[in-house]
Amino acid sequence: MSVLPSRVAALLRCLRPVHRFYSSPVVQVPPPVNEPTLSFAPGSEERACVEKALGDLHGHVEEIPCVVGGREIFTGNLQKQVSPYDHQRVIAHYHYADKDLINEAIGCALEAKRQWEDTPYEHRAAVFLRMADLISTKYRYQVIATTMLGQGKTVLQAEIDSTCETIDFFRFAVKQGLDLQGQPSVHSPRIWNRLEYRALEGFIASISPFNFTAIGANLGATPTLMGNATLWKPSDTAMLSNWTMFKILREAGLPPGVVNFVPAPGPLFGDTVTDSPDLAGVSFTGSSTTFKHLWKLTGKKLDTYKTFPRIVGECGGKNYHFVHPSADVDNVVFCSVRGAFEYCGQKCSATSRMYVPESLWTEIRDKMVAITKEIRVGSPEDFRNFIAAVIDAKVRHSHFMVLLFL
């Protein structure tokens, strides 16, 4: 079947009378500043607060629904999230969406987008600034605690991720979004140049990873700053922290349907969203294998879409340390151990190789081996531990296979 009629319809939508309220050029947002990182030192107020938040979660199992068009839907297809360092401890039960519910979420996203994209930019921005403030204050320790319990992060790793990075994502995105809206200053005779940024024609599928709570919030929510609407599929092993972020987003004032929270099996979600002619974008962070699969699915179905979907993906990388002969050896050792082994190396920034001058290698090797032997492994609720468990059996197996070949 020809897709010409649908593309004509999309063009006609672009030509419809515009009722959008434009942001005033005099509107300014607060200048973004990086969120300070707390120390959680013994006896500090922040350590006491996070210990209380962890205690509040003991014995509690959160039930997490799908949220489509603002409605909480308990499908009955229950899955469970366990703590990676205590497999007997269930921290959440969550409901999987099926194909029909995912398609319903697509419809809700498209409907909500109509009014949301016509909302003045500064009103959309206010939601994100409000969410950043809520994370910085009211919900800081709850967000940290759910990230520690669900993803096995130490308190400092949870702090720099789930609070500081999320806050920075939102505050800097607001400023950068406003900066984009500057108008052309050069005009030709009898011609007035004017620039407008519009939302994409369709919905965005946001697929987030387990290893950063901040990336979940960023992929799920930030595209909506520019007037888009999303379907957010959180990782099964980051469900509790991502659900906490979603609830904060609703409290901050995001209208129903602009972000739809849709836990689902990965293959089902990928097949369903790429089957929709209204797919306008895929925002993904995860494995190269999964991203390639999504790219292939989209390419095979390109003639069925009303527009050209934008495919944005961040996959695993290989970070390295290049050591100069003049380097401070102790600094090299400490930074390399931290870079390689913090959060068990489960992030794309983890140091996976070093290039070391032969003149320094023996000293650096011996000191790294000595420090590595002293690393404490155990529950992140014991603040003396440097690392906890890897996220699940699949990652554990991949680590084991690497060790076999060393």
Protein backbone atom coordinates (compact mmCIF):
# COMPACT_ATOMS: atom_id res chain seq x y z
CA MET A 1 0.00 0.00 0.00
CA SER A 2 1.28 3.46 -0.85
CA VAL A 3 2.12 5.69 2.08
CA LEU A 4 1.59 8.86 0.03
CA PRO A 5 -1.76 9.71 1.66
CA SER A 6 -0.28 9.52 5.15
CA ARG A 7 2.65 11.72 4.14
CA VAL A 8 0.25 14.23 2.59
CA ALA A 9 -1.70 14.23 5.84
CA ALA A 10 1.49 14.88 7.77
CA LEU A 11 2.26 17.81 5.46
CA LEU A 12 -1.23 19.21 5.93
CA ARG A 13 -0.77 19.02 9.69
CA CYS A 14 2.37 21.09 9.29
CA LEU A 15 0.39 23.68 7.33
CA ARG A 16 -2.52 23.91 9.78
CA PRO A 17 -3.13 27.28 11.42
CA VAL A 18 -0.63 27.75 14.22
CA HIS A 19 -2.06 28.65 17.62
CA ARG A 20 1.16 28.03 19.50
CA PHE A 21 2.11 30.64 22.09
CA TYR A 22 5.70 31.60 21.38
CA SER A 23 8.16 32.25 24.13
CA SER A 24 8.91 35.89 24.67
CA PRO A 25 12.47 36.79 23.66
CA VAL A 26 12.88 38.55 27.00
CA VAL A 27 12.19 35.34 28.97
CA GLN A 28 15.26 34.15 30.83
CA VAL A 29 15.67 31.04 32.96
CA PRO A 30 17.87 30.78 36.05
CA PRO A 31 21.48 30.13 34.96
CA PRO A 32 22.26 26.42 35.48
CA VAL A 33 24.85 25.50 38.07
CA ASN A 34 26.16 21.98 38.67
CA GLU A 35 24.48 20.36 41.65
CA PRO A 36 26.96 20.05 44.54
CA THR A 37 27.93 16.49 45.47
CA LEU A 38 27.44 15.64 49.15
CA SER A 39 30.15 13.71 51.00
CA PHE A 40 28.09 11.37 53.24
CA ALA A 41 30.91 11.44 55.75
CA PRO A 42 30.39 9.66 59.10
CA GLY A 43 28.24 11.80 61.37
CA SER A 44 27.02 14.03 58.52
CA GLU A 45 23.38 15.02 58.15
CA GLU A 46 23.17 13.55 54.65
CA ARG A 47 24.41 10.14 55.85
CA ALA A 48 21.75 10.05 58.54
CA CYS A 49 19.10 11.01 55.98
CA VAL A 50 20.04 8.31 53.48
CA GLU A 51 20.26 5.69 56.24
CA LYS A 52 16.72 6.63 57.25
CA ALA A 53 15.55 6.39 53.63
CA LEU A 54 17.10 2.93 53.33
CA GLY A 55 15.44 1.90 56.58
CA ASP A 56 12.05 3.11 55.32
CA LEU A 57 12.36 0.77 52.33
CA HIS A 58 13.15 -2.32 54.40
CA GLY A 59 10.30 -4.79 54.18
CA HIS A 60 8.48 -2.70 51.58
CA VAL A 61 7.68 -4.10 48.14
CA GLU A 62 6.49 -1.44 45.70
CA GLU A 63 3.80 -2.40 43.20
CA ILE A 64 4.45 -0.59 39.93
CA PRO A 65 1.76 -0.24 37.26
CA CYS A 66 1.92 0.87 33.67
CA VAL A 67 0.85 4.49 33.35
CA VAL A 68 -0.85 5.34 30.07
CA GLY A 69 -2.53 8.67 29.51
CA GLY A 70 -2.26 9.31 33.25
CA ARG A 71 -4.13 6.10 34.15
CA GLU A 72 -2.41 3.52 36.34
CA ILE A 73 -3.01 0.12 34.77
CA PHE A 74 -2.34 -3.11 36.67
CA THR A 75 -2.21 -5.69 33.91
CA GLY A 76 -1.69 -8.71 36.15
CA ASN A 77 1.39 -9.83 34.21
CA LEU A 78 3.58 -9.44 37.28
CA GLN A 79 7.36 -9.45 37.28
CA LYS A 80 9.68 -8.86 40.20
CA GLN A 81 12.81 -6.82 40.82
CA VAL A 82 15.24 -8.17 43.36
CA SER A 83 18.19 -6.44 44.95
CA PRO A 84 21.33 -7.49 43.05
CA TYR A 85 23.29 -8.02 46.26
CA ASP A 86 20.47 -9.86 48.09
CA HIS A 87 18.51 -12.07 45.71
CA GLN A 88 16.02 -13.06 48.41
CA ARG A 89 14.97 -9.45 48.81
CA VAL A 90 12.16 -8.48 46.44
CA ILE A 91 11.93 -4.70 46.21
CA ALA A 92 9.25 -4.29 43.55
CA HIS A 93 6.54 -6.06 41.61
CA TYR A 94 5.84 -4.43 38.26
CA HIS A 95 3.20 -5.02 35.62
CA TYR A 96 4.21 -5.75 32.03
CA ALA A 97 2.30 -4.10 29.17
CA ASP A 98 1.13 -6.17 26.22
CA LYS A 99 0.97 -5.12 22.57
CA ASP A 100 -2.51 -3.62 22.85
CA LEU A 101 -1.54 -1.48 25.82
CA ILE A 102 1.63 -0.26 24.10
CA ASN A 103 -0.48 0.77 21.10
CA GLU A 104 -2.91 2.51 23.45
CA ALA A 105 0.04 4.38 24.96
CA ILE A 106 1.05 5.51 21.47
CA GLY A 107 -2.42 6.93 20.91
CA CYS A 108 -2.37 8.70 24.27
CA ALA A 109 1.06 10.18 23.54
CA LEU A 110 -0.11 11.56 20.19
CA GLU A 111 -3.23 13.05 21.76
CA ALA A 112 -1.38 14.64 24.69
CA LYS A 113 1.26 16.04 22.35
CA ARG A 114 -1.29 18.24 20.54
CA GLN A 115 -1.75 20.54 23.52
CA TRP A 116 1.70 20.08 25.03
CA GLU A 117 3.60 21.25 21.93
CA ASP A 118 1.43 24.40 21.85
CA THR A 119 2.35 25.18 25.45
CA PRO A 120 4.84 28.07 25.74
CA TYR A 121 8.41 26.87 26.16
CA GLU A 122 8.87 28.57 29.52
CA HIS A 123 5.83 26.68 30.89
CA ARG A 124 7.31 23.38 29.76
CA ALA A 125 10.67 24.39 31.18
CA ALA A 126 9.07 25.16 34.53
CA VAL A 127 8.13 21.48 34.93
CA PHE A 128 11.75 20.42 34.48
CA LEU A 129 13.12 23.07 36.80
CA ARG A 130 10.53 22.05 39.38
CA MET A 131 11.52 18.40 39.04
CA ALA A 132 15.19 19.29 39.48
CA ASP A 133 14.32 21.17 42.67
CA LEU A 134 12.23 18.27 44.00
CA ILE A 135 15.12 15.84 43.46
CA SER A 136 17.57 18.25 45.04
CA THR A 137 15.44 18.66 48.17
CA LYS A 138 12.28 16.70 48.98
CA TYR A 139 13.16 13.40 47.26
CA ARG A 140 16.97 13.40 47.25
CA TYR A 141 17.45 10.58 49.72
CA GLN A 142 14.56 8.47 48.44
CA VAL A 143 16.04 8.58 44.93
CA ILE A 144 19.47 7.64 46.27
CA ALA A 145 18.08 4.79 48.38
CA THR A 146 16.08 3.23 45.53
CA THR A 147 19.16 3.38 43.29
CA MET A 148 21.31 1.73 45.96
CA LEU A 149 18.79 -1.04 46.62
CA GLY A 150 17.77 -1.68 43.03
CA GLN A 151 21.00 -1.19 41.11
CA GLY A 152 23.62 -1.99 43.75
CA LYS A 153 25.32 1.40 43.77
CA THR A 154 27.28 2.71 46.71
CA VAL A 155 25.97 5.90 48.26
CA LEU A 156 28.46 8.11 46.41
CA GLN A 157 27.81 6.41 43.06
CA ALA A 158 24.07 6.80 43.63
CA GLU A 159 24.52 10.46 44.58
CA ILE A 160 26.52 11.45 41.51
CA ASP A 161 24.09 9.56 39.26
CA SER A 162 20.52 9.66 40.47
CA THR A 163 20.56 13.12 42.03
CA CYS A 164 23.41 15.29 40.71
CA GLU A 165 23.42 14.08 37.12
CA THR A 166 19.64 14.07 36.80
CA ILE A 167 19.41 17.59 38.20
CA ASP A 168 22.14 18.79 35.85
CA PHE A 169 20.46 17.12 32.87
CA PHE A 170 17.24 19.02 33.48
CA ARG A 171 18.64 22.42 34.44
CA PHE A 172 21.15 22.58 31.60
CA ALA A 173 18.63 21.21 29.07
CA VAL A 174 16.26 24.05 29.92
CA LYS A 175 18.95 26.66 29.30
CA GLN A 176 20.17 24.98 26.12
CA GLY A 177 16.62 24.65 24.81
CA LEU A 178 16.09 28.36 25.34
CA ASP A 179 19.39 29.18 23.65
CA LEU A 180 18.22 27.31 20.55
CA GLN A 181 15.32 29.70 20.16
CA GLY A 182 17.40 32.74 19.33
CA GLN A 183 16.19 34.34 16.11
CA PRO A 184 18.35 35.08 13.03
CA SER A 185 19.92 38.52 13.17
CA VAL A 186 20.69 38.79 9.46
CA HIS A 187 17.92 39.51 6.94
CA SER A 188 17.89 40.09 3.19
CA PRO A 189 16.17 43.12 1.64
CA ARG A 190 12.39 42.87 2.07
CA ILE A 191 12.86 39.43 3.70
CA TRP A 192 12.40 38.73 7.41
CA ASN A 193 14.09 35.51 8.48
CA ARG A 194 12.42 33.67 11.30
CA LEU A 195 13.21 30.35 13.02
CA GLU A 196 10.91 27.98 14.88
CA TYR A 197 11.75 24.65 16.51
CA ARG A 198 8.84 22.23 16.39
CA ALA A 199 8.25 18.88 18.01
CA LEU A 200 8.70 15.79 15.85
CA GLU A 201 5.68 14.53 13.92
CA GLY A 202 4.80 11.51 16.02
CA PHE A 203 5.95 9.93 19.28
CA ILE A 204 9.37 9.04 20.69
CA ALA A 205 10.20 5.58 22.06
CA SER A 206 12.59 5.99 25.00
CA ILE A 207 14.46 2.86 26.05
CA SER A 208 16.67 3.34 29.08
CA PRO A 209 19.40 1.18 30.71
CA PHE A 210 19.92 -0.21 34.21
CA ASN A 211 23.18 1.48 35.09
CA PHE A 212 22.16 5.14 35.38
CA THR A 213 18.97 6.34 36.99
CA ALA A 214 19.75 9.73 35.47
CA ILE A 215 19.77 8.32 31.95
CA GLY A 216 16.34 6.80 32.55
CA ALA A 217 14.93 10.17 33.59
CA ASN A 218 16.74 11.93 30.76
CA LEU A 219 15.65 9.59 27.96
CA GLY A 220 12.13 9.26 29.30
CA ALA A 221 11.42 12.91 29.95
CA THR A 222 13.81 15.40 28.34
CA PRO A 223 12.53 15.01 24.74
CA THR A 224 9.22 16.42 25.98
CA LEU A 225 10.91 19.72 26.82
CA MET A 226 10.74 20.56 23.11
CA GLY A 227 7.08 19.59 22.84
CA ASN A 228 7.41 15.87 22.13
CA ALA A 229 5.62 12.98 23.85
CA THR A 230 7.28 9.71 24.81
CA LEU A 231 6.76 6.07 25.65
CA TRP A 232 9.32 5.30 28.35
CA LYS A 233 10.36 1.65 28.68
CA PRO A 234 12.53 1.42 31.80
CA SER A 235 15.02 -1.36 32.38
CA ASP A 236 13.67 -4.30 34.37
CA THR A 237 16.65 -4.03 36.73
CA ALA A 238 16.19 -0.29 37.37
CA MET A 239 12.43 -0.34 37.75
CA LEU A 240 12.11 0.99 41.30
CA SER A 241 14.33 4.04 40.85
CA ASN A 242 12.83 4.84 37.45
CA TRP A 243 9.33 4.59 38.86
CA THR A 244 10.35 6.97 41.62
CA MET A 245 11.58 9.44 38.99
CA PHE A 246 8.35 9.12 37.04
CA LYS A 247 6.26 9.90 40.12
CA ILE A 248 8.37 12.99 40.78
CA LEU A 249 7.84 14.08 37.19
CA ARG A 250 4.08 13.87 37.65
CA GLU A 251 4.28 15.84 40.89
CA ALA A 252 6.30 18.48 39.09
CA GLY A 253 3.31 19.13 36.82
CA LEU A 254 3.82 17.15 33.63
CA PRO A 255 0.39 16.64 32.00
CA PRO A 256 -0.98 13.09 31.64
CA GLY A 257 0.07 11.27 28.49
CA VAL A 258 3.11 13.38 27.71
CA VAL A 259 5.32 10.65 29.23
CA ASN A 260 3.79 7.19 29.34
CA PHE A 261 5.50 4.71 31.68
CA VAL A 262 5.44 1.33 29.93
CA PRO A 263 7.36 -1.61 31.43
CA ALA A 264 7.38 -4.35 28.81
CA PRO A 265 9.50 -7.19 27.44
CA GLY A 266 12.20 -5.65 25.28
CA PRO A 267 11.48 -7.53 22.03
CA LEU A 268 7.73 -6.90 22.31
CA PHE A 269 8.22 -3.20 22.95
CA GLY A 270 10.71 -2.83 20.10
CA ASP A 271 8.52 -4.70 17.60
CA THR A 272 5.38 -2.77 18.57
CA VAL A 273 6.80 0.76 18.48
CA THR A 274 8.61 0.15 15.19
CA ASP A 275 5.38 -1.21 13.70
CA SER A 276 3.64 2.12 14.34
CA PRO A 277 3.52 4.54 11.38
CA ASP A 278 3.65 7.37 13.93
CA LEU A 279 7.14 6.51 15.20
CA ALA A 280 9.14 9.73 15.05
CA GLY A 281 12.19 8.82 17.10
CA VAL A 282 14.00 6.20 19.15
CA SER A 283 16.10 7.37 22.10
CA PHE A 284 18.18 4.47 23.37
CA THR A 285 21.02 3.65 25.73
CA GLY A 286 22.14 0.04 26.09
CA SER A 287 23.95 -2.73 24.27
CA SER A 288 25.24 -2.43 20.72
CA THR A 289 23.41 -5.65 19.81
CA THR A 290 20.01 -4.30 20.85
CA PHE A 291 20.61 -0.94 19.17
CA LYS A 292 21.60 -2.60 15.90
CA HIS A 293 18.41 -4.67 16.07
CA LEU A 294 16.25 -1.57 16.55
CA TRP A 295 18.04 0.20 13.70
CA LYS A 296 17.46 -2.77 11.39
CA LEU A 297 13.78 -2.99 12.35
CA THR A 298 13.31 0.70 11.63
CA GLY A 299 15.17 0.50 8.33
CA LYS A 300 13.10 -2.45 7.11
CA LYS A 301 9.88 -0.57 7.85
CA LEU A 302 10.98 2.84 6.59
CA ASP A 303 8.33 3.01 3.87
CA THR A 304 5.56 2.59 6.42
CA TYR A 305 6.36 5.68 8.49
CA LYS A 306 4.77 9.10 8.14
CA THR A 307 8.18 10.70 8.61
CA PHE A 308 11.81 9.67 8.91
CA PRO A 309 12.33 8.45 12.49
CA ARG A 310 15.37 9.84 14.26
CA ILE A 311 17.45 7.05 15.76
CA VAL A 312 19.69 8.11 18.64
CA GLY A 313 21.72 5.51 20.51
CA GLU A 314 24.49 5.36 23.05
CA CYS A 315 26.20 1.99 23.38
CA GLY A 316 29.10 0.55 25.30
CA GLY A 317 32.54 2.07 24.85
CA LYS A 318 36.18 1.42 25.68
CA ASN A 319 37.61 4.08 27.93
CA TYR A 320 41.38 4.15 28.42
CA HIS A 321 44.12 5.84 30.44
CA PHE A 322 47.17 7.05 28.53
CA VAL A 323 49.99 7.54 31.02
CA HIS A 324 52.81 9.99 30.27
CA PRO A 325 56.33 9.30 31.63
CA SER A 326 56.05 12.47 33.74
CA ALA A 327 52.80 11.36 35.41
CA ASP A 328 52.32 11.24 39.18
CA VAL A 329 52.31 7.48 39.79
CA ASP A 330 50.06 7.53 42.87
CA ASN A 331 47.49 9.64 41.03
CA VAL A 332 47.58 7.23 38.08
CA VAL A 333 47.07 4.26 40.40
CA PHE A 334 44.19 5.70 42.41
CA CYS A 335 42.35 7.11 39.40
CA SER A 336 42.79 3.94 37.35
CA VAL A 337 41.50 1.69 40.13
CA ARG A 338 38.50 3.95 40.61
CA GLY A 339 37.91 4.25 36.88
CA ALA A 340 38.05 0.51 36.32
CA PHE A 341 36.24 -0.85 39.35
CA GLU A 342 33.75 1.68 40.71
CA TYR A 343 30.26 0.26 40.19
CA CYS A 344 32.00 -2.95 39.08
CA GLY A 345 32.91 -1.25 35.79
CA GLN A 346 29.26 -1.31 34.68
CA LYS A 347 29.31 1.95 32.75
CA CYS A 348 30.59 3.17 29.42
CA SER A 349 33.11 5.47 31.14
CA ALA A 350 34.79 2.57 32.96
CA THR A 351 38.53 2.27 32.34
CA SER A 352 39.06 -0.93 30.38
CA ARG A 353 42.67 -0.50 29.20
CA MET A 354 45.85 1.43 30.00
CA TYR A 355 48.81 2.54 27.96
CA VAL A 356 51.75 2.76 30.35
CA PRO A 357 55.41 3.65 29.69
CA GLU A 358 57.68 0.69 30.29
CA SER A 359 59.70 2.83 32.72
CA LEU A 360 56.68 3.15 35.04
CA TRP A 361 54.91 -0.15 34.48
CA THR A 362 56.39 -2.20 37.33
CA GLU A 363 55.66 0.45 39.97
CA ILE A 364 52.14 1.14 38.68
CA ARG A 365 51.32 -2.57 38.36
CA ASP A 366 52.49 -3.44 41.85
CA LYS A 367 50.63 -0.55 43.47
CA MET A 368 47.41 -1.29 41.57
CA VAL A 369 47.55 -4.96 42.57
CA ALA A 370 48.10 -4.01 46.21
CA ILE A 371 45.19 -1.56 46.29
CA THR A 372 42.87 -3.92 44.43
CA LYS A 373 43.48 -6.61 47.07
CA GLU A 374 42.21 -4.18 49.72
CA ILE A 375 38.92 -3.40 47.97
CA ARG A 376 35.90 -4.25 50.11
CA VAL A 377 33.01 -5.97 48.36
CA GLY A 378 29.55 -6.29 49.87
CA SER A 379 26.25 -4.58 50.50
CA PRO A 380 26.22 -0.87 49.59
CA GLU A 381 24.25 -0.31 52.78
CA ASP A 382 27.58 -0.83 54.56
CA PHE A 383 29.26 2.44 53.64
CA ARG A 384 32.72 0.91 54.10
CA ASN A 385 32.29 -1.23 50.96
CA PHE A 386 33.78 0.01 47.70
CA ILE A 387 31.66 -2.12 45.34
CA ALA A 388 28.63 -4.36 45.58
CA ALA A 389 27.31 -7.04 43.20
CA VAL A 390 26.95 -6.83 39.44
CA ILE A 391 23.39 -6.21 38.30
CA ASP A 392 22.30 -9.74 37.34
CA ALA A 393 23.35 -13.24 36.31
CA LYS A 394 23.78 -12.24 32.65
CA VAL A 395 26.38 -9.60 33.50
CA ARG A 396 28.04 -11.95 36.00
CA HIS A 397 28.38 -14.57 33.26
CA SER A 398 29.95 -12.06 30.85
CA HIS A 399 32.47 -11.03 33.53
CA PHE A 400 33.28 -14.69 34.17
CA MET A 401 33.83 -15.38 30.46
CA VAL A 402 36.25 -12.47 30.23
CA LEU A 403 38.24 -13.83 33.18
CA LEU A 404 38.48 -17.23 31.47
CA PHE A 405 40.38 -15.67 28.60
CA LEU A 406 42.80 -13.59 30.69
